Amino acid sequence: MDILDSKAYLDRMLAAPRPGSGQVLAFYEHRVGAVCKDPALMLMPWDDHLVHRGDGVFETIKWVDSKVYLLDEHLARMGRSGQAIGLEPPCPWEAVREIVLATGRAAGTPNGLFRMLLGRGPGGFGLDPSECPEPSLYVAAYEYAPKPDAFYQKGVTAFRTSIPAKQSYLATIKSIDYLPNVLMKKEALAKGKDFPVCFDARGFLAEGATENVALVDKDGCITVPRLDNALSGTTLLRVLELARGEISHCYKSITEDDIREAREMLILGTTAQCLSIVEYDGRPVGGGTPGPVSRRLLELLKKDLAQNGVSL
């Protein structure tokens, strides 16, 4: 086994294969305090508790036509998630906001995604957070691949995953620990379905792997699962606000019987925007085609981004 000095090790590290690096446009790390555009240098300390304990939170934010969508809402949710586990960023939130925008400007493209990671920080391989003298902050800007047009024109499929919803106190935190979500996605790929949806221990609908789920009931009301067993989605909350006065909404415990009786079933999220589930567990939802509510909500979201997105 070779024993390398710092330069030889770094040379070998930089020459190592890096799958997916072509998607990374720019990134920031708080320890360095600067933006870099070489993805080969996007290296995270092994002893950051974010890595080996899942002790951290994250957000994904998109920008389209150089407009960042729901930036402050995402930052606010990251703040709530961090507060829930006793974690604050290593700099003021106003500085975090500017770091995100600076990273987006450095990316040099009109469309992209941010992945923000706030971790306990490096300091050891134990469990005790006090090992870590300073929290970590990472921001990556990478390519945005929108959902195919066919998803919106024809609708998508969904099924009830075998993976149960997270416990309530975890489901409401956007934690780095996404293993249940990964298993849901793996099951969807194995079944050839577009989206998995999970249910809690009481048999109530919770959420998708990375999206919120809602129904349109027989009266045309947008029916949303109670957010005590799912993450409060920024897209979900924003579109309900945009539709207020035009389309009513309510929160309730949703069963599979409600799904079978629904006019429409919706997927709502940062990259999905608003998609219509036209088939659930092999059965058509409503008329089996995208409905008017899903089309209207998508229209509202696109207009809102163009009018209210934060300019890079």
Protein backbone atom coordinates (compact mmCIF):
# COMPACT_ATOMS: atom_id res chain seq x y z
CA MET A 1 0.00 0.00 0.00
CA ASP A 2 1.40 3.38 -1.01
CA ILE A 3 1.92 5.97 1.72
CA LEU A 4 1.70 9.37 0.10
CA ASP A 5 2.68 12.87 1.11
CA SER A 6 0.12 15.66 0.82
CA LYS A 7 0.94 16.66 -2.74
CA ALA A 8 1.02 13.11 -4.10
CA TYR A 9 -2.24 12.28 -2.35
CA LEU A 10 -3.95 15.40 -3.67
CA ASP A 11 -2.71 14.72 -7.21
CA ARG A 12 -4.10 11.19 -7.06
CA MET A 13 -7.36 12.39 -5.54
CA LEU A 14 -7.87 14.99 -8.27
CA ALA A 15 -7.18 12.34 -10.93
CA ALA A 16 -9.73 9.90 -9.46
CA PRO A 17 -13.02 9.34 -11.34
CA ARG A 18 -15.84 11.66 -10.24
CA PRO A 19 -19.22 10.48 -11.58
CA GLY A 20 -21.71 13.30 -12.02
CA SER A 21 -19.10 16.04 -11.82
CA GLY A 22 -20.18 17.35 -15.21
CA GLN A 23 -23.46 18.48 -13.64
CA VAL A 24 -21.79 20.66 -11.00
CA LEU A 25 -21.52 24.31 -12.06
CA ALA A 26 -20.11 25.99 -8.94
CA PHE A 27 -19.89 25.38 -5.19
CA TYR A 28 -19.10 27.03 -1.88
CA GLU A 29 -17.68 25.67 1.37
CA HIS A 30 -17.63 27.74 4.54
CA ARG A 31 -14.15 26.61 5.68
CA VAL A 32 -12.69 28.08 2.49
CA GLY A 33 -15.08 31.00 2.29
CA ALA A 34 -15.10 31.23 -1.50
CA VAL A 35 -16.82 29.88 -4.61
CA CYS A 36 -15.04 27.38 -6.86
CA LYS A 37 -16.01 25.99 -10.27
CA ASP A 38 -13.85 22.84 -10.34
CA PRO A 39 -16.03 19.93 -9.14
CA ALA A 40 -12.93 17.79 -8.55
CA LEU A 41 -12.31 19.99 -5.49
CA MET A 42 -15.81 19.49 -4.07
CA LEU A 43 -14.48 17.46 -1.13
CA MET A 44 -16.29 17.03 2.18
CA PRO A 45 -14.46 16.12 5.41
CA TRP A 46 -15.07 12.50 6.39
CA ASP A 47 -15.41 13.46 10.05
CA ASP A 48 -18.17 15.99 9.45
CA HIS A 49 -21.08 14.56 11.44
CA LEU A 50 -23.19 15.47 8.40
CA VAL A 51 -21.45 12.59 6.60
CA HIS A 52 -21.16 9.76 9.10
CA ARG A 53 -24.10 10.54 11.40
CA GLY A 54 -26.61 12.23 9.11
CA ASP A 55 -26.50 15.12 11.57
CA GLY A 56 -27.63 17.97 9.38
CA VAL A 57 -30.36 19.45 7.23
CA PHE A 58 -30.65 20.45 3.59
CA GLU A 59 -32.67 22.32 0.99
CA THR A 60 -33.00 22.16 -2.79
CA ILE A 61 -33.82 25.40 -4.59
CA LYS A 62 -34.23 26.03 -8.31
CA TRP A 63 -33.62 29.00 -10.55
CA VAL A 64 -35.19 29.45 -13.97
CA ASP A 65 -34.41 32.27 -16.40
CA SER A 66 -32.03 33.62 -13.74
CA LYS A 67 -34.86 33.87 -11.18
CA VAL A 68 -34.44 31.94 -7.91
CA TYR A 69 -37.80 30.58 -6.77
CA LEU A 70 -38.96 30.76 -3.16
CA LEU A 71 -35.44 31.50 -1.92
CA ASP A 72 -36.50 33.07 1.37
CA GLU A 73 -39.09 30.38 2.00
CA HIS A 74 -36.47 27.67 1.58
CA LEU A 75 -34.04 29.51 3.85
CA ALA A 76 -36.77 29.90 6.47
CA ARG A 77 -37.56 26.18 6.35
CA MET A 78 -33.87 25.31 6.66
CA GLY A 79 -33.78 27.56 9.70
CA ARG A 80 -36.74 25.70 11.24
CA SER A 81 -35.20 22.31 10.47
CA GLY A 82 -31.88 23.39 11.94
CA GLN A 83 -33.56 24.80 15.03
CA ALA A 84 -35.36 21.50 15.55
CA ILE A 85 -32.01 19.73 15.95
CA GLY A 86 -30.19 22.60 17.67
CA LEU A 87 -28.16 23.68 14.64
CA GLU A 88 -27.41 27.17 13.36
CA PRO A 89 -25.29 28.14 10.32
CA PRO A 90 -21.71 29.30 10.83
CA CYS A 91 -22.65 32.80 9.60
CA PRO A 92 -25.80 34.99 9.73
CA TRP A 93 -28.74 33.96 7.54
CA GLU A 94 -28.37 37.18 5.54
CA ALA A 95 -24.87 36.02 4.60
CA VAL A 96 -26.16 32.54 3.73
CA ARG A 97 -28.63 34.15 1.34
CA GLU A 98 -25.89 36.11 -0.41
CA ILE A 99 -23.69 32.98 -0.59
CA VAL A 100 -26.47 31.16 -2.44
CA LEU A 101 -26.93 34.00 -4.92
CA ALA A 102 -23.17 34.41 -5.44
CA THR A 103 -22.83 30.69 -6.15
CA GLY A 104 -25.69 30.92 -8.66
CA ARG A 105 -24.10 33.87 -10.41
CA ALA A 106 -20.81 32.00 -10.64
CA ALA A 107 -22.60 29.07 -12.28
CA GLY A 108 -23.17 31.26 -15.31
CA THR A 109 -26.32 29.56 -16.58
CA PRO A 110 -29.95 30.78 -16.67
CA ASN A 111 -31.35 27.56 -15.13
CA GLY A 112 -30.09 25.39 -12.31
CA LEU A 113 -30.54 23.91 -8.87
CA PHE A 114 -28.94 24.67 -5.52
CA ARG A 115 -28.25 22.02 -2.93
CA MET A 116 -27.66 23.61 0.47
CA LEU A 117 -26.20 21.45 3.24
CA LEU A 118 -25.99 22.60 6.85
CA GLY A 119 -24.14 20.13 9.06
CA ARG A 120 -22.84 19.74 12.57
CA GLY A 121 -19.32 20.15 11.17
CA PRO A 122 -16.04 18.22 11.26
CA GLY A 123 -14.42 17.22 14.52
CA GLY A 124 -14.59 13.48 15.13
CA PHE A 125 -16.25 10.14 14.46
CA GLY A 126 -18.29 10.00 17.64
CA LEU A 127 -21.92 10.78 18.30
CA ASP A 128 -21.54 13.77 20.61
CA PRO A 129 -22.21 17.05 18.73
CA SER A 130 -19.77 18.83 21.03
CA GLU A 131 -16.95 17.20 19.05
CA CYS A 132 -17.68 19.74 16.32
CA PRO A 133 -16.47 23.28 17.13
CA GLU A 134 -18.18 24.93 14.13
CA PRO A 135 -21.12 23.98 11.89
CA SER A 136 -20.50 23.30 8.22
CA LEU A 137 -22.18 24.99 5.27
CA TYR A 138 -21.98 23.73 1.70
CA VAL A 139 -23.78 25.15 -1.34
CA ALA A 140 -23.60 23.47 -4.74
CA ALA A 141 -25.09 24.82 -7.97
CA TYR A 142 -25.78 22.11 -10.52
CA GLU A 143 -27.69 21.48 -13.71
CA TYR A 144 -31.50 21.48 -13.66
CA ALA A 145 -33.24 18.81 -15.75
CA PRO A 146 -36.96 19.66 -15.81
CA LYS A 147 -39.51 16.87 -15.91
CA PRO A 148 -40.33 15.78 -19.48
CA ASP A 149 -43.21 17.60 -21.17
CA ALA A 150 -45.01 14.25 -21.48
CA PHE A 151 -45.30 14.12 -17.68
CA TYR A 152 -47.48 17.23 -17.77
CA GLN A 153 -49.38 16.36 -20.94
CA LYS A 154 -50.16 12.72 -20.13
CA GLY A 155 -49.81 12.56 -16.36
CA VAL A 156 -47.78 10.18 -14.21
CA THR A 157 -48.21 6.93 -12.31
CA ALA A 158 -47.94 6.33 -8.58
CA PHE A 159 -48.27 3.47 -6.12
CA ARG A 160 -48.36 2.77 -2.41
CA THR A 161 -44.80 2.01 -1.36
CA SER A 162 -43.99 -0.69 1.18
CA ILE A 163 -41.79 1.83 3.02
CA PRO A 164 -43.74 3.46 5.88
CA ALA A 165 -43.83 7.20 6.47
CA LYS A 166 -41.25 8.58 8.85
CA GLN A 167 -42.17 9.20 12.46
CA SER A 168 -43.84 12.56 12.82
CA TYR A 169 -40.96 14.30 14.58
CA LEU A 170 -38.60 13.30 11.74
CA ALA A 171 -41.02 13.79 8.85
CA THR A 172 -41.34 17.49 9.64
CA ILE A 173 -37.54 18.06 9.53
CA LYS A 174 -35.72 18.19 6.18
CA SER A 175 -32.94 16.01 7.52
CA ILE A 176 -29.95 14.73 5.58
CA ASP A 177 -31.02 11.18 6.51
CA TYR A 178 -33.05 10.26 3.43
CA LEU A 179 -32.57 6.49 3.49
CA PRO A 180 -36.34 5.78 3.62
CA ASN A 181 -36.81 8.14 0.68
CA VAL A 182 -34.05 6.37 -1.26
CA LEU A 183 -35.71 3.00 -0.62
CA MET A 184 -39.02 4.41 -1.85
CA LYS A 185 -37.36 5.57 -5.06
CA LYS A 186 -35.65 2.21 -5.55
CA GLU A 187 -38.99 0.45 -5.21
CA ALA A 188 -40.57 2.79 -7.77
CA LEU A 189 -37.80 2.05 -10.26
CA ALA A 190 -38.18 -1.69 -9.68
CA LYS A 191 -41.94 -1.48 -10.29
CA GLY A 192 -41.64 0.80 -13.32
CA LYS A 193 -43.75 3.52 -11.68
CA ASP A 194 -43.07 7.24 -11.66
CA PHE A 195 -43.75 8.15 -8.03
CA PRO A 196 -44.04 6.26 -4.73
CA VAL A 197 -46.31 7.56 -1.96
CA CYS A 198 -46.12 6.45 1.66
CA PHE A 199 -48.66 6.08 4.46
CA ASP A 200 -48.25 6.43 8.21
CA ALA A 201 -48.92 3.77 10.84
CA ARG A 202 -52.60 4.79 11.02
CA GLY A 203 -53.07 4.19 7.29
CA PHE A 204 -53.16 7.86 6.32
CA LEU A 205 -51.46 9.30 3.25
CA ALA A 206 -48.23 11.13 4.08
CA GLU A 207 -46.03 12.17 1.13
CA GLY A 208 -43.91 11.08 -1.80
CA ALA A 209 -40.18 10.38 -1.82
CA THR A 210 -39.30 14.04 -2.41
CA GLU A 211 -42.67 15.68 -3.04
CA ASN A 212 -45.95 16.49 -1.35
CA VAL A 213 -49.14 14.74 -2.45
CA ALA A 214 -52.66 16.16 -2.49
CA LEU A 215 -56.09 15.27 -3.85
CA VAL A 216 -58.88 17.17 -5.53
CA ASP A 217 -62.07 15.82 -3.99
CA LYS A 218 -65.49 15.39 -5.63
CA ASP A 219 -66.39 18.98 -4.72
CA GLY A 220 -63.24 20.40 -6.37
CA CYS A 221 -61.48 21.16 -3.08
CA ILE A 222 -57.71 20.62 -2.84
CA THR A 223 -57.36 18.15 0.02
CA VAL A 224 -53.94 18.02 1.67
CA PRO A 225 -52.67 15.42 4.15
CA ARG A 226 -52.21 16.85 7.62
CA LEU A 227 -48.64 18.10 7.80
CA ASP A 228 -47.90 16.32 11.07
CA ASN A 229 -46.72 13.28 9.10
CA ALA A 230 -45.13 15.00 6.11
CA LEU A 231 -42.75 17.84 5.30
CA SER A 232 -44.28 21.28 4.79
CA GLY A 233 -43.44 21.75 1.13
CA THR A 234 -42.55 25.25 -0.04
CA THR A 235 -44.19 24.60 -3.42
CA LEU A 236 -47.32 23.17 -1.78
CA LEU A 237 -47.76 26.09 0.61
CA ARG A 238 -47.06 28.67 -2.08
CA VAL A 239 -49.50 27.26 -4.62
CA LEU A 240 -52.26 27.03 -2.01
CA GLU A 241 -51.68 30.71 -1.30
CA LEU A 242 -51.72 31.56 -5.02
CA ALA A 243 -54.98 29.66 -5.55
CA ARG A 244 -56.73 31.17 -2.53
CA GLY A 245 -60.03 32.76 -3.56
CA GLU A 246 -60.12 30.66 -6.72
CA ILE A 247 -59.80 27.06 -5.49
CA SER A 248 -60.57 26.07 -1.91
CA HIS A 249 -58.34 23.78 0.12
CA CYS A 250 -58.43 21.90 3.39
CA TYR A 251 -56.23 19.61 5.47
CA LYS A 252 -57.49 16.18 6.51
CA SER A 253 -56.42 12.60 7.17
CA ILE A 254 -56.53 10.96 3.75
CA THR A 255 -57.17 7.24 3.23
CA GLU A 256 -56.90 5.09 0.13
CA ASP A 257 -60.70 5.25 -0.16
CA ASP A 258 -60.35 9.02 -0.57
CA ILE A 259 -57.85 8.45 -3.38
CA ARG A 260 -60.25 6.13 -5.18
CA GLU A 261 -63.00 8.75 -4.99
CA ALA A 262 -60.82 11.73 -5.93
CA ARG A 263 -61.20 13.74 -9.11
CA GLU A 264 -57.46 14.41 -9.26
CA MET A 265 -54.29 13.40 -7.44
CA LEU A 266 -51.39 15.85 -7.42
CA ILE A 267 -47.63 15.73 -6.93
CA LEU A 268 -46.16 19.08 -5.78
CA GLY A 269 -42.46 19.87 -5.40
CA THR A 270 -39.52 22.03 -6.42
CA THR A 271 -38.66 20.13 -9.59
CA ALA A 272 -42.04 18.48 -10.23
CA GLN A 273 -43.91 21.79 -9.83
CA CYS A 274 -47.45 20.36 -10.16
CA LEU A 275 -47.97 16.98 -11.81
CA SER A 276 -51.17 15.02 -12.21
CA ILE A 277 -51.19 11.39 -11.07
CA VAL A 278 -53.50 9.69 -13.55
CA GLU A 279 -52.94 6.13 -12.34
CA TYR A 280 -52.62 4.94 -8.73
CA ASP A 281 -51.85 1.30 -7.94
CA GLY A 282 -52.88 0.29 -11.45
CA ARG A 283 -56.24 2.09 -11.38
CA PRO A 284 -57.13 5.37 -13.09
CA VAL A 285 -57.53 8.46 -10.91
CA GLY A 286 -60.56 10.50 -11.87
CA GLY A 287 -60.87 10.42 -15.65
CA GLY A 288 -57.37 9.01 -16.08
CA THR A 289 -56.03 12.24 -17.62
CA PRO A 290 -54.57 15.45 -16.15
CA GLY A 291 -57.37 17.52 -14.67
CA PRO A 292 -58.14 21.24 -14.69
CA VAL A 293 -56.87 21.89 -11.17
CA SER A 294 -53.42 20.44 -11.85
CA ARG A 295 -53.16 22.50 -15.05
CA ARG A 296 -54.24 25.67 -13.26
CA LEU A 297 -51.84 25.20 -10.37
CA LEU A 298 -48.95 24.64 -12.78
CA GLU A 299 -49.88 27.84 -14.57
CA LEU A 300 -49.95 29.76 -11.28
CA LEU A 301 -46.54 28.45 -10.24
CA LYS A 302 -44.88 29.34 -13.54
CA LYS A 303 -46.34 32.85 -13.47
CA ASP A 304 -45.29 33.34 -9.84
CA LEU A 305 -41.70 32.32 -10.56
CA ALA A 306 -41.46 34.76 -13.46
CA GLN A 307 -42.96 37.62 -11.47
CA ASN A 308 -41.56 37.05 -7.99
CA GLY A 309 -38.37 35.01 -8.34
CA VAL A 310 -35.22 36.59 -6.88
CA SER A 311 -32.87 37.75 -9.64
CA LEU A 312 -29.35 36.34 -9.68
